[in-house]
PDB file of N, CA and C in Angstrom:
ATOM      1  N   MET A   1      98.403 226.804  78.063  1.00  0.00           N
ATOM      2  CA  MET A   1      97.470 227.007  79.562  1.00  0.00           C
ATOM      3  C   MET A   1      98.729 228.125  80.286  1.00  0.00           C
ATOM      4  N   LEU A   2      97.805 228.984  81.053  1.00  0.00           N
ATOM      5  CA  LEU A   2      98.518 229.925  81.536  1.00  0.00           C
ATOM      6  C   LEU A   2      99.111 229.263  82.911  1.00  0.00           C
ATOM      7  N   ILE A   3     100.196 229.785  83.511  1.00  0.00           N
ATOM      8  CA  ILE A   3     101.023 229.313  84.323  1.00  0.00           C
ATOM      9  C   ILE A   3     101.451 230.509  85.234  1.00  0.00           C
ATOM     10  N   PHE A   4     101.307 230.266  86.811  1.00  0.00           N
ATOM     11  CA  PHE A   4     101.908 231.630  87.833  1.00  0.00           C
ATOM     12  C   PHE A   4     103.043 231.152  87.874  1.00  0.00           C
ATOM     13  N   ASN A   5     104.422 231.406  87.065  1.00  0.00           N
ATOM     14  CA  ASN A   5     105.611 230.936  87.613  1.00  0.00           C
ATOM     15  C   ASN A   5     106.260 231.829  88.265  1.00  0.00           C
ATOM     16  N   SER A   6     106.075 231.728  89.650  1.00  0.00           N
ATOM     17  CA  SER A   6     106.854 232.331  90.824  1.00  0.00           C
ATOM     18  C   SER A   6     108.572 231.736  90.695  1.00  0.00           C
ATOM     19  N   ALA A   7     108.454 230.636  90.538  1.00  0.00           N
ATOM     20  CA  ALA A   7     109.851 229.946  90.590  1.00  0.00           C
ATOM     21  C   ALA A   7     110.677 230.713  89.833  1.00  0.00           C
ATOM     22  N   ARG A   8     110.113 231.166  88.378  1.00  0.00           N
ATOM     23  CA  ARG A   8     111.123 232.251  87.543  1.00  0.00           C
ATOM     24  C   ARG A   8     111.578 233.582  88.394  1.00  0.00           C
ATOM     25  N   ILE A   9     110.579 234.041  89.302  1.00  0.00           N
ATOM     26  CA  ILE A   9     110.907 235.456  89.737  1.00  0.00           C
ATOM     27  C   ILE A   9     111.764 234.986  90.876  1.00  0.00           C
ATOM     28  N   PHE A  10     111.816 234.117  91.792  1.00  0.00           N
ATOM     29  CA  PHE A  10     112.383 233.600  92.582  1.00  0.00           C
ATOM     30  C   PHE A  10     114.119 233.733  92.144  1.00  0.00           C
ATOM     31  N   ARG A  11     114.343 232.745  90.862  1.00  0.00           N
ATOM     32  CA  ARG A  11     115.506 232.577  90.694  1.00  0.00           C
ATOM     33  C   ARG A  11     116.360 233.912  89.787  1.00  0.00           C
ATOM     34  N   LEU A  12     115.263 234.705  89.389  1.00  0.00           N
ATOM     35  CA  LEU A  12     115.904 236.031  88.851  1.00  0.00           C
ATOM     36  C   LEU A  12     116.130 236.905  90.140  1.00  0.00           C
ATOM     37  N   LYS A  13     115.551 237.009  91.049  1.00  0.00           N
ATOM     38  CA  LYS A  13     115.864 237.940  92.221  1.00  0.00           C
ATOM     39  C   LYS A  13     116.660 237.066  93.118  1.00  0.00           C
ATOM     40  N   SER A  14     117.329 236.051  92.394  1.00  0.00           N
ATOM     41  CA  SER A  14     118.489 235.415  93.537  1.00  0.00           C
ATOM     42  C   SER A  14     117.880 234.748  95.103  1.00  0.00           C
ATOM     43  N   ILE A  15     116.543 234.527  94.807  1.00  0.00           N
ATOM     44  CA  ILE A  15     116.130 234.309  96.082  1.00  0.00           C
ATOM     45  C   ILE A  15     116.240 232.401  96.633  1.00  0.00           C
ATOM     46  N   HIS A  16     117.315 231.736  97.113  1.00  0.00           N
ATOM     47  CA  HIS A  16     117.312 230.953  97.228  1.00  0.00           C
ATOM     48  C   HIS A  16     116.321 229.912  98.155  1.00  0.00           C
ATOM     49  N   ARG A  17     115.820 230.554  99.030  1.00  0.00           N
ATOM     50  CA  ARG A  17     114.982 229.960 100.273  1.00  0.00           C
ATOM     51  C   ARG A  17     113.789 230.867  99.926  1.00  0.00           C
ATOM     52  N   PRO A  18     112.835 230.809  98.897  1.00  0.00           N
ATOM     53  CA  PRO A  18     111.449 231.190  98.676  1.00  0.00           C
ATOM     54  C   PRO A  18     110.608 231.247  99.950  1.00  0.00           C
ATOM     55  N   PHE A  19     110.248 229.944 100.564  1.00  0.00           N
ATOM     56  CA  PHE A  19     109.534 229.856 101.564  1.00  0.00           C
ATOM     57  C   PHE A  19     109.741 230.647 102.667  1.00  0.00           C
ATOM     58  N   SER A  20     110.915 230.833 103.449  1.00  0.00           N
ATOM     59  CA  SER A  20     111.629 231.928 104.260  1.00  0.00           C
ATOM     60  C   SER A  20     111.293 232.900 104.020  1.00  0.00           C
ATOM     61  N   HIS A  21     112.052 233.212 102.677  1.00  0.00           N
ATOM     62  CA  HIS A  21     111.539 235.095 102.132  1.00  0.00           C
ATOM     63  C   HIS A  21     110.175 235.191 102.185  1.00  0.00           C
ATOM     64  N   LEU A  22     109.198 234.260 101.921  1.00  0.00           N
ATOM     65  CA  LEU A  22     107.942 234.833 101.673  1.00  0.00           C
ATOM     66  C   LEU A  22     107.214 234.950 103.379  1.00  0.00           C
ATOM     67  N   VAL A  23     107.677 234.123 103.826  1.00  0.00           N
ATOM     68  CA  VAL A  23     106.954 234.210 105.176  1.00  0.00           C
ATOM     69  C   VAL A  23     107.629 235.550 106.102  1.00  0.00           C
ATOM     70  N   ASN A  24     108.838 235.693 105.585  1.00  0.00           N
ATOM     71  CA  ASN A  24     109.467 237.098 106.651  1.00  0.00           C
ATOM     72  C   ASN A  24     108.698 238.300 105.968  1.00  0.00           C
ATOM     73  N   MET A  25     107.988 238.099 104.895  1.00  0.00           N
ATOM     74  CA  MET A  25     107.297 239.488 104.346  1.00  0.00           C
ATOM     75  C   MET A  25     105.992 239.519 104.417  1.00  0.00           C
ATOM     76  N   GLY A  26     105.404 238.504 105.279  1.00  0.00           N
ATOM     77  CA  GLY A  26     104.426 238.371 105.796  1.00  0.00           C
ATOM     78  C   GLY A  26     103.265 237.266 105.159  1.00  0.00           C
ATOM     79  N   TYR A  27     103.754 236.322 104.342  1.00  0.00           N
ATOM     80  CA  TYR A  27     102.762 235.753 103.727  1.00  0.00           C
ATOM     81  C   TYR A  27     102.767 234.765 104.662  1.00  0.00           C
ATOM     82  N   SER A  28     101.214 234.029 104.681  1.00  0.00           N
ATOM     83  CA  SER A  28     100.952 232.813 105.899  1.00  0.00           C
ATOM     84  C   SER A  28     101.870 231.559 104.887  1.00  0.00           C
ATOM     85  N   THR A  29     102.154 230.816 106.085  1.00  0.00           N
ATOM     86  CA  THR A  29     102.983 229.453 105.845  1.00  0.00           C
ATOM     87  C   THR A  29     101.644 228.774 104.477  1.00  0.00           C
ATOM     88  N   GLY A  30     100.577 228.757 104.511  1.00  0.00           N
ATOM     89  CA  GLY A  30     100.344 228.257 103.407  1.00  0.00           C
ATOM     90  C   GLY A  30     100.198 228.610 102.096  1.00  0.00           C
ATOM     91  N   SER A  31     100.328 230.209 101.946  1.00  0.00           N
ATOM     92  CA  SER A  31     100.511 230.968 100.742  1.00  0.00           C
ATOM     93  C   SER A  31     102.053 230.907 100.102  1.00  0.00           C
ATOM     94  N   ALA A  32     102.689 230.770 101.195  1.00  0.00           N
ATOM     95  CA  ALA A  32     104.292 230.633 101.348  1.00  0.00           C
ATOM     96  C   ALA A  32     104.638 229.457 100.473  1.00  0.00           C
ATOM     97  N   THR A  33     104.090 228.054 101.260  1.00  0.00           N
ATOM     98  CA  THR A  33     104.339 226.873 100.541  1.00  0.00           C
ATOM     99  C   THR A  33     103.675 226.884  99.010  1.00  0.00           C
ATOM    100  N   LYS A  34     102.628 227.376  99.033  1.00  0.00           N
ATOM    101  CA  LYS A  34     102.465 227.006  97.398  1.00  0.00           C
ATOM    102  C   LYS A  34     103.096 228.006  96.124  1.00  0.00           C
ATOM    103  N   LEU A  35     103.332 229.026  96.767  1.00  0.00           N
ATOM    104  CA  LEU A  35     104.342 230.312  95.791  1.00  0.00           C
ATOM    105  C   LEU A  35     105.725 229.441  95.858  1.00  0.00           C
ATOM    106  N   SER A  36     106.343 229.180  96.907  1.00  0.00           N
ATOM    107  CA  SER A  36     107.826 228.530  96.821  1.00  0.00           C
ATOM    108  C   SER A  36     107.391 227.243  96.192  1.00  0.00           C
ATOM    109  N   ARG A  37     106.788 226.245  96.047  1.00  0.00           N
ATOM    110  CA  ARG A  37     106.679 225.131  95.373  1.00  0.00           C
ATOM    111  C   ARG A  37     105.904 225.502  93.741  1.00  0.00           C
ATOM    112  N   ASN A  38     105.644 226.679  93.677  1.00  0.00           N
ATOM    113  CA  ASN A  38     105.194 226.981  92.503  1.00  0.00           C
ATOM    114  C   ASN A  38     103.783 226.198  91.821  1.00  0.00           C
ATOM    115  N   GLU A  39     102.954 226.095  92.946  1.00  0.00           N
ATOM    116  CA  GLU A  39     101.737 225.160  92.687  1.00  0.00           C
ATOM    117  C   GLU A  39     100.351 226.370  93.272  1.00  0.00           C
ATOM    118  N   ILE A  40     100.591 227.531  92.022  1.00  0.00           N
ATOM    119  CA  ILE A  40      99.245 228.569  92.192  1.00  0.00           C
ATOM    120  C   ILE A  40      99.107 228.399  91.021  1.00  0.00           C
ATOM    121  N   TYR A  41      97.294 227.688  91.044  1.00  0.00           N
ATOM    122  CA  TYR A  41      96.543 227.398  89.704  1.00  0.00           C
ATOM    123  C   TYR A  41      95.305 228.280  89.877  1.00  0.00           C
ATOM    124  N   SER A  42      95.317 229.455  90.730  1.00  0.00           N
ATOM    125  CA  SER A  42      94.493 230.517  90.078  1.00  0.00           C
ATOM    126  C   SER A  42      94.732 231.595  91.329  1.00  0.00           C
ATOM    127  N   ILE A  43      94.790 232.632  91.246  1.00  0.00           N
ATOM    128  CA  ILE A  43      95.045 233.818  91.730  1.00  0.00           C
ATOM    129  C   ILE A  43      94.131 235.027  91.378  1.00  0.00           C
ATOM    130  N   ASN A  44      93.648 235.558  92.796  1.00  0.00           N
ATOM    131  CA  ASN A  44      92.713 236.873  92.602  1.00  0.00           C
ATOM    132  C   ASN A  44      93.836 238.271  91.830  1.00  0.00           C
ATOM    133  N   LEU A  45      92.983 239.228  91.537  1.00  0.00           N
ATOM    134  CA  LEU A  45      93.867 240.106  90.815  1.00  0.00           C
ATOM    135  C   LEU A  45      94.505 240.890  91.967  1.00  0.00           C
ATOM    136  N   ASP A  46      93.998 240.946  93.496  1.00  0.00           N
ATOM    137  CA  ASP A  46      94.496 241.843  94.470  1.00  0.00           C
ATOM    138  C   ASP A  46      95.903 241.342  95.162  1.00  0.00           C
ATOM    139  N   ARG A  47      95.955 239.836  95.042  1.00  0.00           N
ATOM    140  CA  ARG A  47      97.058 238.991  95.327  1.00  0.00           C
ATOM    141  C   ARG A  47      98.434 239.053  94.429  1.00  0.00           C
ATOM    142  N   LEU A  48      97.482 238.940  92.928  1.00  0.00           N
ATOM    143  CA  LEU A  48      98.538 238.950  91.996  1.00  0.00           C
ATOM    144  C   LEU A  48      99.549 240.282  92.159  1.00  0.00           C
ATOM    145  N   GLU A  49      98.485 241.380  92.167  1.00  0.00           N
ATOM    146  CA  GLU A  49      99.178 242.776  92.251  1.00  0.00           C
ATOM    147  C   GLU A  49     100.230 243.014  93.787  1.00  0.00           C
ATOM    148  N   LYS A  50      99.766 242.529  94.704  1.00  0.00           N
ATOM    149  CA  LYS A  50     100.605 242.389  96.031  1.00  0.00           C
ATOM    150  C   LYS A  50     101.906 241.756  95.638  1.00  0.00           C
ATOM    151  N   PHE A  51     101.829 240.679  94.919  1.00  0.00           N
ATOM    152  CA  PHE A  51     103.157 239.895  94.759  1.00  0.00           C
ATOM    153  C   PHE A  51     103.919 240.700  93.548  1.00  0.00           C
ATOM    154  N   CYS A  52     103.202 241.286  92.711  1.00  0.00           N
ATOM    155  CA  CYS A  52     103.958 242.432  91.784  1.00  0.00           C
ATOM    156  C   CYS A  52     104.731 243.354  92.433  1.00  0.00           C
ATOM    157  N   ARG A  53     103.891 243.941  93.387  1.00  0.00           N
ATOM    158  CA  ARG A  53     104.454 245.314  94.030  1.00  0.00           C
ATOM    159  C   ARG A  53     105.595 244.762  95.003  1.00  0.00           C
ATOM    160  N   GLU A  54     105.425 243.482  95.505  1.00  0.00           N
ATOM    161  CA  GLU A  54     106.653 243.128  96.586  1.00  0.00           C
ATOM    162  C   GLU A  54     107.686 242.566  95.449  1.00  0.00           C
ATOM    163  N   PHE A  55     107.761 242.049  94.696  1.00  0.00           N
ATOM    164  CA  PHE A  55     108.868 241.855  93.780  1.00  0.00           C
ATOM    165  C   PHE A  55     109.148 242.528  92.498  1.00  0.00           C
ATOM    166  N   ASN A  56     108.590 243.924  92.572  1.00  0.00           N
ATOM    167  CA  ASN A  56     108.692 244.417  91.113  1.00  0.00           C
ATOM    168  C   ASN A  56     108.923 243.930  90.229  1.00  0.00           C
ATOM    169  N   CYS A  57     107.849 243.239  89.736  1.00  0.00           N
ATOM    170  CA  CYS A  57     107.741 242.840  88.479  1.00  0.00           C
ATOM    171  C   CYS A  57     106.141 243.333  87.971  1.00  0.00           C
ATOM    172  N   THR A  58     105.828 242.739  86.921  1.00  0.00           N
ATOM    173  CA  THR A  58     104.427 242.847  85.944  1.00  0.00           C
ATOM    174  C   THR A  58     103.956 241.504  86.244  1.00  0.00           C
ATOM    175  N   PRO A  59     102.530 241.308  86.156  1.00  0.00           N
ATOM    176  CA  PRO A  59     102.037 239.992  85.864  1.00  0.00           C
ATOM    177  C   PRO A  59     102.301 239.341  84.475  1.00  0.00           C
ATOM    178  N   ASN A  60     102.574 240.066  83.600  1.00  0.00           N
ATOM    179  CA  ASN A  60     103.572 239.628  82.445  1.00  0.00           C
ATOM    180  C   ASN A  60     104.873 238.759  82.812  1.00  0.00           C
ATOM    181  N   ASP A  61     105.580 239.221  83.870  1.00  0.00           N
ATOM    182  CA  ASP A  61     106.767 238.629  84.217  1.00  0.00           C
ATOM    183  C   ASP A  61     106.289 237.522  85.219  1.00  0.00           C
ATOM    184  N   VAL A  62     105.268 237.481  85.320  1.00  0.00           N
ATOM    185  CA  VAL A  62     105.058 236.356  86.310  1.00  0.00           C
ATOM    186  C   VAL A  62     104.203 234.875  85.642  1.00  0.00           C
ATOM    187  N   LEU A  63     103.453 235.434  84.222  1.00  0.00           N
ATOM    188  CA  LEU A  63     102.423 234.741  83.675  1.00  0.00           C
ATOM    189  C   LEU A  63     103.188 234.145  82.388  1.00  0.00           C
ATOM    190  N   ASP A  64     103.042 232.778  82.623  1.00  0.00           N
ATOM    191  CA  ASP A  64     103.749 232.115  81.325  1.00  0.00           C
ATOM    192  C   ASP A  64     102.455 231.056  80.470  1.00  0.00           C
ATOM    193  N   PHE A  65     102.568 231.695  79.397  1.00  0.00           N
ATOM    194  CA  PHE A  65     101.836 230.543  78.395  1.00  0.00           C
ATOM    195  C   PHE A  65     102.600 229.242  78.236  1.00  0.00           C
ATOM    196  N   ARG A  66     102.005 228.287  78.604  1.00  0.00           N
ATOM    197  CA  ARG A  66     102.474 226.849  77.754  1.00  0.00           C
ATOM    198  C   ARG A  66     101.811 225.981  76.694  1.00  0.00           C
ATOM    199  N   PRO A  67     101.730 226.213  75.652  1.00  0.00           N
ATOM    200  CA  PRO A  67     100.918 225.746  74.652  1.00  0.00           C
ATOM    201  C   PRO A  67     100.225 224.472  74.697  1.00  0.00           C
ATOM    202  N   ASP A  68      99.095 224.216  74.878  1.00  0.00           N
ATOM    203  CA  ASP A  68      98.174 222.784  75.159  1.00  0.00           C
ATOM    204  C   ASP A  68      98.432 221.803  74.072  1.00  0.00           C
ATOM    205  N   LYS A  69      98.737 220.404  74.053  1.00  0.00           N
ATOM    206  CA  LYS A  69      98.824 219.700  72.865  1.00  0.00           C
ATOM    207  C   LYS A  69      97.267 219.620  72.245  1.00  0.00           C
ATOM    208  N   ASN A  70      96.563 219.347  73.134  1.00  0.00           N
ATOM    209  CA  ASN A  70      94.969 219.594  72.570  1.00  0.00           C
ATOM    210  C   ASN A  70      94.254 220.654  72.100  1.00  0.00           C
ATOM    211  N   ASN A  71      94.771 221.998  72.444  1.00  0.00           N
ATOM    212  CA  ASN A  71      94.493 223.319  72.075  1.00  0.00           C
ATOM    213  C   ASN A  71      95.334 224.360  71.559  1.00  0.00           C
ATOM    214  N   THR A  72      95.457 223.985  70.094  1.00  0.00           N
ATOM    215  CA  THR A  72      96.616 224.717  69.325  1.00  0.00           C
ATOM    216  C   THR A  72      96.256 226.180  69.483  1.00  0.00           C
ATOM    217  N   LEU A  73      97.059 227.166  69.399  1.00  0.00           N
ATOM    218  CA  LEU A  73      96.883 228.114  68.854  1.00  0.00           C
ATOM    219  C   LEU A  73      97.709 228.789  67.764  1.00  0.00           C
ATOM    220  N   PRO A  74      97.027 229.653  66.619  1.00  0.00           N
ATOM    221  CA  PRO A  74      97.987 229.728  65.781  1.00  0.00           C
ATOM    222  C   PRO A  74      99.423 230.331  66.031  1.00  0.00           C
ATOM    223  N   PRO A  75     100.178 230.610  65.168  1.00  0.00           N
ATOM    224  CA  PRO A  75     101.611 230.953  65.797  1.00  0.00           C
ATOM    225  C   PRO A  75     101.556 232.416  66.110  1.00  0.00           C
ATOM    226  N   ASP A  76     100.720 233.257  65.486  1.00  0.00           N
ATOM    227  CA  ASP A  76     101.047 234.542  65.793  1.00  0.00           C
ATOM    228  C   ASP A  76      99.850 235.298  66.992  1.00  0.00           C
ATOM    229  N   HIS A  77      99.190 234.577  67.524  1.00  0.00           N
ATOM    230  CA  HIS A  77      98.493 234.155  68.863  1.00  0.00           C
ATOM    231  C   HIS A  77      99.227 235.424  69.589  1.00  0.00           C
ATOM    232  N   ALA A  78      98.491 236.181  70.221  1.00  0.00           N
ATOM    233  CA  ALA A  78      98.879 237.084  71.230  1.00  0.00           C
ATOM    234  C   ALA A  78      99.389 236.301  72.387  1.00  0.00           C
ATOM    235  N   LEU A  79      98.769 235.289  72.934  1.00  0.00           N
ATOM    236  CA  LEU A  79      99.426 234.655  73.818  1.00  0.00           C
ATOM    237  C   LEU A  79     100.667 233.920  73.949  1.00  0.00           C
ATOM    238  N   HIS A  80     101.018 234.008  73.073  1.00  0.00           N
ATOM    239  CA  HIS A  80     102.621 233.053  73.012  1.00  0.00           C
ATOM    240  C   HIS A  80     103.720 234.272  72.974  1.00  0.00           C
ATOM    241  N   SER A  81     103.213 235.381  73.207  1.00  0.00           N
ATOM    242  CA  SER A  81     103.933 236.465  73.536  1.00  0.00           C
ATOM    243  C   SER A  81     104.413 236.509  75.357  1.00  0.00           C
ATOM    244  N   LEU A  82     103.652 235.442  75.778  1.00  0.00           N
ATOM    245  CA  LEU A  82     103.923 235.092  77.315  1.00  0.00           C
ATOM    246  C   LEU A  82     104.736 234.042  77.572  1.00  0.00           C
ATOM    247  N   THR A  83     105.094 233.305  76.571  1.00  0.00           N
ATOM    248  CA  THR A  83     106.357 232.573  76.396  1.00  0.00           C
ATOM    249  C   THR A  83     107.445 232.418  76.684  1.00  0.00           C
ATOM    250  N   LYS A  84     107.931 232.132  77.804  1.00  0.00           N
ATOM    251  CA  LYS A  84     109.136 232.401  78.365  1.00  0.00           C
ATOM    252  C   LYS A  84     110.540 231.284  78.243  1.00  0.00           C
ATOM    253  N   LYS A  85     111.518 231.701  77.896  1.00  0.00           N
ATOM    254  CA  LYS A  85     112.428 230.673  77.960  1.00  0.00           C
ATOM    255  C   LYS A  85     112.923 230.429  79.643  1.00  0.00           C
ATOM    256  N   GLU A  86     113.226 229.034  79.518  1.00  0.00           N
ATOM    257  CA  GLU A  86     113.657 228.600  81.002  1.00  0.00           C
ATOM    258  C   GLU A  86     114.903 229.275  81.070  1.00  0.00           C
ATOM    259  N   LEU A  87     115.526 229.642  82.363  1.00  0.00           N
ATOM    260  CA  LEU A  87     116.647 229.848  82.988  1.00  0.00           C
ATOM    261  C   LEU A  87     117.328 228.528  82.924  1.00  0.00           C
ATOM    262  N   SER A  88     118.430 228.597  82.808  1.00  0.00           N
ATOM    263  CA  SER A  88     119.437 227.455  82.399  1.00  0.00           C
ATOM    264  C   SER A  88     120.102 227.550  83.749  1.00  0.00           C
ATOM    265  N   ASN A  89     120.919 228.456  84.205  1.00  0.00           N
ATOM    266  CA  ASN A  89     121.878 228.741  85.075  1.00  0.00           C
ATOM    267  C   ASN A  89     121.432 229.828  85.900  1.00  0.00           C
ATOM    268  N   GLU A  90     121.853 230.195  87.228  1.00  0.00           N
ATOM    269  CA  GLU A  90     121.561 231.230  87.965  1.00  0.00           C
ATOM    270  C   GLU A  90     122.370 232.346  87.247  1.00  0.00           C
ATOM    271  N   ILE A  91     122.321 233.743  87.231  1.00  0.00           N
ATOM    272  CA  ILE A  91     123.109 234.469  86.511  1.00  0.00           C
ATOM    273  C   ILE A  91     124.563 234.754  87.373  1.00  0.00           C
ATOM    274  N   ASN A  92     124.375 234.569  88.892  1.00  0.00           N
ATOM    275  CA  ASN A  92     125.567 234.672  89.469  1.00  0.00           C
ATOM    276  C   ASN A  92     126.150 233.569  88.996  1.00  0.00           C
ATOM    277  N   GLU A  93     126.060 232.446  88.636  1.00  0.00           N
ATOM    278  CA  GLU A  93     127.125 231.381  88.017  1.00  0.00           C
ATOM    279  C   GLU A  93     127.522 232.132  86.628  1.00  0.00           C
ATOM    280  N   ILE A  94     126.853 232.452  86.169  1.00  0.00           N
ATOM    281  CA  ILE A  94     127.385 232.864  84.866  1.00  0.00           C
ATOM    282  C   ILE A  94     128.214 233.676  85.000  1.00  0.00           C
ATOM    283  N   ILE A  95     127.796 235.058  85.921  1.00  0.00           N
ATOM    284  CA  ILE A  95     128.881 236.286  86.202  1.00  0.00           C
ATOM    285  C   ILE A  95     130.115 235.712  86.435  1.00  0.00           C
ATOM    286  N   SER A  96     130.111 234.588  87.409  1.00  0.00           N
ATOM    287  CA  SER A  96     131.279 234.315  88.263  1.00  0.00           C
ATOM    288  C   SER A  96     132.508 233.668  87.247  1.00  0.00           C
ATOM    289  N   THR A  97     132.103 233.093  86.201  1.00  0.00           N
ATOM    290  CA  THR A  97     133.070 232.594  85.395  1.00  0.00           C
ATOM    291  C   THR A  97     133.545 233.690  84.319  1.00  0.00           C
ATOM    292  N   LEU A  98     133.041 234.583  84.438  1.00  0.00           N
ATOM    293  CA  LEU A  98     133.352 235.899  83.791  1.00  0.00           C
ATOM    294  C   LEU A  98     134.796 236.345  83.832  1.00  0.00           C
ATOM    295  N   PRO A  99     135.576 237.075  83.285  1.00  0.00           N
ATOM    296  CA  PRO A  99     136.688 237.802  83.526  1.00  0.00           C
ATOM    297  C   PRO A  99     136.243 239.032  84.294  1.00  0.00           C
ATOM    298  N   ILE A 100     137.338 239.375  85.331  1.00  0.00           N
ATOM    299  CA  ILE A 100     136.704 240.919  85.944  1.00  0.00           C
ATOM    300  C   ILE A 100     136.133 241.845  85.286  1.00  0.00           C
ATOM    301  N   GLU A 101     137.438 242.072  83.923  1.00  0.00           N
ATOM    302  CA  GLU A 101     136.827 243.273  82.903  1.00  0.00           C
ATOM    303  C   GLU A 101     135.466 243.154  82.432  1.00  0.00           C
ATOM    304  N   LYS A 102     135.293 241.754  82.141  1.00  0.00           N
ATOM    305  CA  LYS A 102     133.597 241.537  81.697  1.00  0.00           C
ATOM    306  C   LYS A 102     132.523 242.079  82.889  1.00  0.00           C
ATOM    307  N   ILE A 103     133.026 241.460  83.859  1.00  0.00           N
ATOM    308  CA  ILE A 103     132.081 241.397  85.317  1.00  0.00           C
ATOM    309  C   ILE A 103     131.786 243.446  85.388  1.00  0.00           C
ATOM    310  N   GLN A 104     133.108 243.781  85.304  1.00  0.00           N
ATOM    311  CA  GLN A 104     133.009 245.403  85.479  1.00  0.00           C
ATOM    312  C   GLN A 104     132.403 246.004  84.608  1.00  0.00           C
ATOM    313  N   GLN A 105     132.086 245.496  83.426  1.00  0.00           N
ATOM    314  CA  GLN A 105     131.280 246.401  82.303  1.00  0.00           C
ATOM    315  C   GLN A 105     129.680 246.063  82.472  1.00  0.00           C
ATOM    316  N   ILE A 106     129.307 244.477  83.108  1.00  0.00           N
ATOM    317  CA  ILE A 106     128.234 244.534  83.407  1.00  0.00           C
ATOM    318  C   ILE A 106     127.796 245.465  84.723  1.00  0.00           C
ATOM    319  N   HIS A 107     128.579 245.604  85.177  1.00  0.00           N
ATOM    320  CA  HIS A 107     128.070 246.534  86.382  1.00  0.00           C
ATOM    321  C   HIS A 107     127.909 247.796  85.866  1.00  0.00           C
ATOM    322  N   ASP A 108     129.144 248.598  85.322  1.00  0.00           N
ATOM    323  CA  ASP A 108     128.573 249.596  84.583  1.00  0.00           C
ATOM    324  C   ASP A 108     127.263 249.976  83.810  1.00  0.00           C
ATOM    325  N   ILE A 109     126.980 248.670  82.941  1.00  0.00           N
ATOM    326  CA  ILE A 109     125.683 248.692  82.337  1.00  0.00           C
ATOM    327  C   ILE A 109     124.414 248.673  83.275  1.00  0.00           C
ATOM    328  N   ILE A 110     124.457 248.246  84.723  1.00  0.00           N
ATOM    329  CA  ILE A 110     123.421 248.006  85.403  1.00  0.00           C
ATOM    330  C   ILE A 110     123.543 249.328  86.231  1.00  0.00           C
ATOM    331  N   LYS A 111     124.276 250.132  86.566  1.00  0.00           N
ATOM    332  CA  LYS A 111     124.511 251.222  86.919  1.00  0.00           C
ATOM    333  C   LYS A 111     123.834 252.538  86.069  1.00  0.00           C
ATOM    334  N   ASN A 112     124.211 252.605  85.238  1.00  0.00           N
ATOM    335  CA  ASN A 112     123.404 253.012  84.040  1.00  0.00           C
ATOM    336  C   ASN A 112     122.108 253.109  83.282  1.00  0.00           C
ATOM    337  N   MET A 113     121.289 251.667  84.093  1.00  0.00           N
ATOM    338  CA  MET A 113     120.325 251.722  83.893  1.00  0.00           C
ATOM    339  C   MET A 113     119.465 252.345  85.222  1.00  0.00           C
ATOM    340  N   GLU A 114     120.077 252.754  86.173  1.00  0.00           N
ATOM    341  CA  GLU A 114     119.005 253.139  87.148  1.00  0.00           C
ATOM    342  C   GLU A 114     118.450 254.672  87.197  1.00  0.00           C
TER     343      GLU A 114
END
């Protein structure tokens, strides 16, 4: 089953109050509620593109594939490429436990990516 996983994007972008963030971006309260609760069961391509533009992501970043117990696919099926690992910790929490030297290295790597 394909899942629209907005919660993953909010975690990766360190958005701790997604509903407020979405409303401030101009989303209706209804859309913001569904997105912040990760309750999107269908989406048209225009809205998908809008979300991706605003959060600087791709549809592949937002769509997750979760295998259905009743509908198995071969292990080499292309949909498995959309299976993502759950994020166990916020990146800020992980970084905050590192020594300063390692944090500086991460900073330098990120700056070189720009």
